[in-house]
């Protein structure tokens, strides 16, 4: 049991350390913005970190780069993702708002029509 707990703690620490470069990039970008609310700041930070985490994993899978290069690219992606977060969030909100109507239209198109002959 003690070994299992140690492995879980190591896994959590490794995960948090992998998020560090992206969080730093988004945080540096956040320090430049003035007059933004805490909720918007945290939402942008979250988008920056999540986007950067998956992009850095994709870079690692596609290219054999040194880990420090991956971290540097991850830092830059975090900065860019933080700046583009409002557009990304607005796009997701628009897509989520249109999705039920599109789904309804597609499902109704599959049903047989009741035309009289």
N, C-alpha and C. Protein backbone atom coordinates (compact mmCIF):
# COMPACT_ATOMS: atom_id res chain seq x y z
N UNK A 1 0.82 -1.20 0.00
CA UNK A 1 0.00 0.00 0.00
C UNK A 1 0.86 1.26 0.00
N UNK A 2 1.98 1.20 0.75
CA UNK A 2 2.86 2.36 0.82
C UNK A 2 3.49 2.65 -0.54
N UNK A 3 3.83 1.58 -1.29
CA UNK A 3 4.40 1.75 -2.61
C UNK A 3 3.38 2.37 -3.57
N UNK A 4 2.13 1.94 -3.45
CA UNK A 4 1.07 2.48 -4.29
C UNK A 4 0.88 3.98 -4.04
N UNK A 5 0.85 4.37 -2.77
CA UNK A 5 0.70 5.79 -2.43
C UNK A 5 1.87 6.60 -2.96
N UNK A 6 3.08 6.03 -2.88
CA UNK A 6 4.26 6.73 -3.39
C UNK A 6 4.17 6.91 -4.91
N UNK A 7 3.69 5.88 -5.62
CA UNK A 7 3.54 5.98 -7.07
C UNK A 7 2.48 6.99 -7.46
N UNK A 8 1.39 7.03 -6.70
CA UNK A 8 0.33 8.01 -6.98
C UNK A 8 0.86 9.43 -6.79
N UNK A 9 1.60 9.65 -5.71
CA UNK A 9 2.17 10.98 -5.46
C UNK A 9 3.16 11.35 -6.55
N UNK A 10 3.99 10.40 -6.99
CA UNK A 10 4.94 10.67 -8.08
C UNK A 10 4.22 11.01 -9.37
N UNK A 11 3.12 10.31 -9.65
CA UNK A 11 2.35 10.59 -10.87
C UNK A 11 1.72 11.97 -10.82
N UNK A 12 1.17 12.34 -9.68
CA UNK A 12 0.56 13.66 -9.55
C UNK A 12 1.62 14.75 -9.68
N UNK A 13 2.78 14.56 -9.08
CA UNK A 13 3.86 15.55 -9.20
C UNK A 13 4.36 15.67 -10.63
N UNK A 14 4.48 14.54 -11.33
CA UNK A 14 4.90 14.58 -12.73
C UNK A 14 3.88 15.33 -13.59
N UNK A 15 2.60 15.10 -13.32
CA UNK A 15 1.56 15.81 -14.06
C UNK A 15 1.62 17.31 -13.80
N UNK A 16 1.77 17.69 -12.54
CA UNK A 16 1.85 19.12 -12.22
C UNK A 16 3.10 19.77 -12.80
N UNK A 17 4.21 19.05 -12.81
CA UNK A 17 5.44 19.59 -13.39
C UNK A 17 5.32 19.75 -14.91
N UNK A 18 4.54 18.90 -15.55
CA UNK A 18 4.35 19.04 -16.99
C UNK A 18 3.48 20.24 -17.32
N UNK A 19 2.65 20.68 -16.37
CA UNK A 19 1.83 21.86 -16.58
C UNK A 19 2.56 23.16 -16.29
N UNK A 20 3.69 23.09 -15.61
CA UNK A 20 4.38 24.29 -15.17
C UNK A 20 4.78 25.24 -16.30
N UNK A 21 5.43 24.79 -17.40
CA UNK A 21 5.80 25.75 -18.45
C UNK A 21 4.61 26.47 -19.06
N UNK A 22 3.52 25.75 -19.29
CA UNK A 22 2.35 26.39 -19.88
C UNK A 22 1.72 27.37 -18.90
N UNK A 23 1.68 27.01 -17.63
CA UNK A 23 1.13 27.92 -16.63
C UNK A 23 1.98 29.18 -16.51
N UNK A 24 3.28 29.03 -16.59
CA UNK A 24 4.16 30.21 -16.54
C UNK A 24 3.96 31.10 -17.76
N UNK A 25 3.80 30.50 -18.94
CA UNK A 25 3.56 31.29 -20.14
C UNK A 25 2.27 32.07 -20.06
N UNK A 26 1.22 31.41 -19.61
CA UNK A 26 -0.07 32.09 -19.47
C UNK A 26 -0.02 33.15 -18.37
N UNK A 27 0.72 32.88 -17.30
CA UNK A 27 0.83 33.85 -16.21
C UNK A 27 1.59 35.08 -16.64
N UNK A 28 2.67 34.91 -17.40
CA UNK A 28 3.42 36.06 -17.91
C UNK A 28 2.53 36.90 -18.81
N UNK A 29 1.76 36.26 -19.65
CA UNK A 29 0.85 36.98 -20.52
C UNK A 29 -0.24 37.68 -19.71
N UNK A 30 -0.64 37.07 -18.60
CA UNK A 30 -1.67 37.64 -17.75
C UNK A 30 -1.17 38.91 -17.06
N UNK A 31 0.10 38.97 -16.74
CA UNK A 31 0.65 40.13 -16.05
C UNK A 31 0.63 41.39 -16.91
N UNK A 32 0.56 41.21 -18.21
CA UNK A 32 0.57 42.36 -19.12
C UNK A 32 -0.81 43.00 -19.19
N UNK A 33 -1.87 42.20 -19.04
CA UNK A 33 -3.24 42.72 -19.15
C UNK A 33 -3.63 43.50 -17.90
N UNK A 34 -4.21 44.66 -18.10
CA UNK A 34 -4.74 45.46 -17.00
C UNK A 34 -6.25 45.55 -17.14
N UNK A 35 -6.92 45.71 -16.01
CA UNK A 35 -8.36 45.94 -16.03
C UNK A 35 -9.18 44.72 -16.41
N UNK A 36 -8.71 43.55 -16.08
CA UNK A 36 -9.46 42.34 -16.40
C UNK A 36 -9.92 41.71 -15.08
N UNK A 37 -11.12 41.15 -15.07
CA UNK A 37 -11.65 40.59 -13.83
C UNK A 37 -10.97 39.26 -13.51
N UNK A 38 -11.07 38.86 -12.24
CA UNK A 38 -10.44 37.61 -11.82
C UNK A 38 -11.06 36.41 -12.52
N UNK A 39 -12.35 36.42 -12.73
CA UNK A 39 -12.98 35.27 -13.38
C UNK A 39 -12.50 35.12 -14.82
N UNK A 40 -12.39 36.24 -15.53
CA UNK A 40 -11.87 36.17 -16.90
C UNK A 40 -10.40 35.76 -16.91
N UNK A 41 -9.66 36.27 -15.93
CA UNK A 41 -8.25 35.93 -15.84
C UNK A 41 -8.06 34.42 -15.61
N UNK A 42 -8.84 33.86 -14.70
CA UNK A 42 -8.72 32.43 -14.42
C UNK A 42 -9.20 31.59 -15.58
N UNK A 43 -10.25 32.03 -16.27
CA UNK A 43 -10.73 31.29 -17.43
C UNK A 43 -9.67 31.28 -18.53
N UNK A 44 -9.06 32.42 -18.77
CA UNK A 44 -8.01 32.49 -19.79
C UNK A 44 -6.80 31.65 -19.38
N UNK A 45 -6.45 31.70 -18.12
CA UNK A 45 -5.32 30.91 -17.62
C UNK A 45 -5.60 29.42 -17.82
N UNK A 46 -6.80 28.99 -17.50
CA UNK A 46 -7.18 27.59 -17.68
C UNK A 46 -7.11 27.18 -19.15
N UNK A 47 -7.63 28.01 -20.04
CA UNK A 47 -7.58 27.70 -21.48
C UNK A 47 -6.13 27.62 -21.94
N UNK A 48 -5.30 28.56 -21.47
CA UNK A 48 -3.89 28.55 -21.85
C UNK A 48 -3.18 27.29 -21.40
N UNK A 49 -3.43 26.87 -20.17
CA UNK A 49 -2.76 25.70 -19.63
C UNK A 49 -3.23 24.42 -20.32
N UNK A 50 -4.53 24.27 -20.49
CA UNK A 50 -5.06 23.05 -21.11
C UNK A 50 -4.62 22.94 -22.56
N UNK A 51 -4.74 24.02 -23.30
CA UNK A 51 -4.33 24.02 -24.70
C UNK A 51 -2.85 23.69 -24.84
N UNK A 52 -2.06 24.31 -24.01
CA UNK A 52 -0.63 24.11 -24.06
C UNK A 52 -0.24 22.69 -23.67
N UNK A 53 -0.90 22.14 -22.69
CA UNK A 53 -0.58 20.78 -22.25
C UNK A 53 -0.76 19.79 -23.40
N UNK A 54 -1.89 19.86 -24.07
CA UNK A 54 -2.14 18.91 -25.15
C UNK A 54 -1.26 19.18 -26.37
N UNK A 55 -0.99 20.45 -26.65
CA UNK A 55 -0.12 20.75 -27.79
C UNK A 55 1.32 20.30 -27.52
N UNK A 56 1.79 20.45 -26.30
CA UNK A 56 3.16 20.00 -26.00
C UNK A 56 3.25 18.48 -26.06
N UNK A 57 2.20 17.76 -25.65
CA UNK A 57 2.20 16.30 -25.76
C UNK A 57 2.19 15.89 -27.24
N UNK A 58 1.46 16.62 -28.05
CA UNK A 58 1.44 16.32 -29.49
C UNK A 58 2.81 16.58 -30.11
N UNK A 59 3.47 17.66 -29.72
CA UNK A 59 4.81 17.93 -30.22
C UNK A 59 5.78 16.83 -29.83
N UNK A 60 5.68 16.37 -28.60
CA UNK A 60 6.55 15.27 -28.15
C UNK A 60 6.31 14.01 -28.96
N UNK A 61 5.07 13.76 -29.31
CA UNK A 61 4.74 12.55 -30.07
C UNK A 61 5.21 12.65 -31.52
N UNK A 62 5.15 13.84 -32.09
CA UNK A 62 5.49 14.01 -33.51
C UNK A 62 6.97 14.23 -33.77
N UNK A 63 7.63 14.95 -32.88
CA UNK A 63 9.03 15.31 -33.10
C UNK A 63 9.89 14.84 -31.94
N UNK A 64 11.13 14.54 -32.26
CA UNK A 64 12.07 14.15 -31.20
C UNK A 64 12.91 15.37 -30.83
N UNK A 65 12.33 16.23 -30.01
CA UNK A 65 13.01 17.44 -29.57
C UNK A 65 13.49 17.27 -28.13
N UNK A 66 14.47 18.05 -27.78
CA UNK A 66 14.97 18.05 -26.41
C UNK A 66 13.86 18.53 -25.47
N UNK A 67 13.76 17.99 -24.26
CA UNK A 67 12.69 18.41 -23.34
C UNK A 67 12.66 19.91 -23.05
N UNK A 68 13.81 20.56 -23.03
CA UNK A 68 13.83 22.00 -22.79
C UNK A 68 13.24 22.77 -23.97
N UNK A 69 13.43 22.25 -25.18
CA UNK A 69 12.82 22.89 -26.36
C UNK A 69 11.31 22.75 -26.29
N UNK A 70 10.85 21.56 -25.91
CA UNK A 70 9.41 21.34 -25.74
C UNK A 70 8.85 22.30 -24.70
N UNK A 71 9.58 22.50 -23.59
CA UNK A 71 9.11 23.40 -22.55
C UNK A 71 9.07 24.84 -23.04
N UNK A 72 10.06 25.24 -23.84
CA UNK A 72 10.06 26.60 -24.37
C UNK A 72 8.88 26.82 -25.32
N UNK A 73 8.65 25.86 -26.18
CA UNK A 73 7.50 25.95 -27.09
C UNK A 73 6.21 25.94 -26.29
N UNK A 74 6.16 25.13 -25.26
CA UNK A 74 5.00 25.06 -24.38
C UNK A 74 4.74 26.41 -23.71
N UNK A 75 5.79 27.07 -23.28
CA UNK A 75 5.68 28.40 -22.68
C UNK A 75 5.06 29.39 -23.67
N UNK A 76 5.54 29.38 -24.91
CA UNK A 76 5.01 30.28 -25.93
C UNK A 76 3.56 29.95 -26.28
N UNK A 77 3.24 28.67 -26.36
CA UNK A 77 1.86 28.28 -26.66
C UNK A 77 0.93 28.74 -25.54
N UNK A 78 1.41 28.64 -24.29
CA UNK A 78 0.62 29.12 -23.16
C UNK A 78 0.33 30.61 -23.26
N UNK A 79 1.33 31.39 -23.69
CA UNK A 79 1.12 32.83 -23.85
C UNK A 79 0.12 33.13 -24.95
N UNK A 80 0.27 32.47 -26.08
CA UNK A 80 -0.63 32.70 -27.21
C UNK A 80 -2.04 32.23 -26.89
N UNK A 81 -2.16 31.07 -26.26
CA UNK A 81 -3.49 30.54 -25.92
C UNK A 81 -4.19 31.45 -24.93
N UNK A 82 -3.44 32.05 -24.01
CA UNK A 82 -4.05 32.99 -23.05
C UNK A 82 -4.62 34.19 -23.79
N UNK A 83 -3.87 34.71 -24.75
CA UNK A 83 -4.33 35.89 -25.50
C UNK A 83 -5.53 35.56 -26.39
N UNK A 84 -5.59 34.34 -26.90
CA UNK A 84 -6.68 33.99 -27.81
C UNK A 84 -7.85 33.35 -27.09
N UNK A 85 -7.81 33.24 -25.79
CA UNK A 85 -8.87 32.59 -25.02
C UNK A 85 -10.24 33.23 -25.20
N UNK A 86 -10.38 34.56 -25.23
CA UNK A 86 -11.73 35.12 -25.40
C UNK A 86 -12.40 34.67 -26.70
N UNK A 87 -11.66 34.64 -27.78
CA UNK A 87 -12.22 34.17 -29.05
C UNK A 87 -12.56 32.70 -29.01
N UNK A 88 -11.70 31.91 -28.37
CA UNK A 88 -11.95 30.48 -28.23
C UNK A 88 -13.19 30.21 -27.39
N UNK A 89 -13.32 30.91 -26.29
CA UNK A 89 -14.48 30.74 -25.41
C UNK A 89 -15.76 31.18 -26.12
N UNK A 90 -15.69 32.29 -26.85
CA UNK A 90 -16.87 32.76 -27.59
C UNK A 90 -17.26 31.76 -28.68
N UNK A 91 -16.26 31.19 -29.35
CA UNK A 91 -16.54 30.18 -30.38
C UNK A 91 -17.17 28.93 -29.80
N UNK A 92 -16.66 28.49 -28.65
CA UNK A 92 -17.24 27.31 -27.98
C UNK A 92 -18.67 27.58 -27.53
N UNK A 93 -18.92 28.78 -27.02
CA UNK A 93 -20.27 29.13 -26.58
C UNK A 93 -21.23 29.17 -27.76
N UNK A 94 -20.78 29.70 -28.89
CA UNK A 94 -21.61 29.74 -30.09
C UNK A 94 -21.92 28.33 -30.59
N UNK A 95 -20.88 27.50 -30.63
CA UNK A 95 -21.07 26.11 -31.09
C UNK A 95 -22.00 25.35 -30.15
N UNK A 96 -21.84 25.56 -28.85
CA UNK A 96 -22.71 24.88 -27.88
C UNK A 96 -24.15 25.37 -27.99
N UNK A 97 -24.34 26.64 -28.33
CA UNK A 97 -25.69 27.17 -28.49
C UNK A 97 -26.36 26.68 -29.75
N UNK A 98 -25.59 26.45 -30.80
CA UNK A 98 -26.16 25.99 -32.07
C UNK A 98 -26.30 24.48 -32.13
N UNK A 99 -25.60 23.75 -31.28
CA UNK A 99 -25.58 22.28 -31.36
C UNK A 99 -26.95 21.64 -31.19
N UNK A 100 -27.78 22.05 -30.22
CA UNK A 100 -29.10 21.39 -30.10
C UNK A 100 -29.97 21.54 -31.34
N UNK A 101 -29.96 22.72 -31.95
CA UNK A 101 -30.75 22.93 -33.16
C UNK A 101 -30.24 22.10 -34.32
N UNK A 102 -28.93 22.02 -34.47
CA UNK A 102 -28.35 21.21 -35.54
C UNK A 102 -28.63 19.72 -35.32
N UNK A 103 -28.54 19.29 -34.09
CA UNK A 103 -28.83 17.89 -33.77
C UNK A 103 -30.29 17.57 -34.04
N UNK A 104 -31.19 18.47 -33.65
CA UNK A 104 -32.62 18.27 -33.90
C UNK A 104 -32.89 18.17 -35.40
N UNK A 105 -32.30 19.07 -36.19
CA UNK A 105 -32.51 19.05 -37.64
C UNK A 105 -32.00 17.75 -38.26
N UNK A 106 -30.85 17.27 -37.79
CA UNK A 106 -30.31 16.03 -38.33
C UNK A 106 -31.19 14.83 -37.96
N UNK A 107 -31.67 14.80 -36.74
CA UNK A 107 -32.53 13.69 -36.32
C UNK A 107 -33.87 13.72 -37.06
N UNK A 108 -34.43 14.91 -37.26
CA UNK A 108 -35.70 15.00 -37.99
C UNK A 108 -35.52 14.62 -39.46
N UNK A 109 -34.34 14.86 -40.00
CA UNK A 109 -34.08 14.49 -41.39
C UNK A 109 -34.03 12.97 -41.56
N UNK A 110 -33.72 12.25 -40.51
CA UNK A 110 -33.66 10.78 -40.58
C UNK A 110 -35.03 10.13 -40.51
N UNK A 111 -35.99 10.83 -39.93
CA UNK A 111 -37.34 10.27 -39.80
C UNK A 111 -38.03 10.26 -41.16
N UNK A 112 -38.88 9.25 -41.43
CA UNK A 112 -39.58 9.21 -42.70
C UNK A 112 -40.64 10.34 -42.75
N UNK A 113 -40.81 10.87 -43.94
CA UNK A 113 -41.79 11.96 -44.09
C UNK A 113 -43.19 11.40 -44.19
N UNK A 114 -44.19 12.23 -43.85
CA UNK A 114 -45.59 11.79 -43.85
C UNK A 114 -46.34 12.42 -45.03
N UNK A 115 -45.80 12.27 -46.20
CA UNK A 115 -46.44 12.84 -47.38
C UNK A 115 -47.54 11.90 -47.87
N UNK A 116 -48.66 12.48 -48.32
CA UNK A 116 -49.76 11.69 -48.87
C UNK A 116 -49.49 11.46 -50.35
N UNK A 117 -49.88 10.27 -50.81
CA UNK A 117 -49.64 9.94 -52.23
C UNK A 117 -50.87 10.17 -53.04
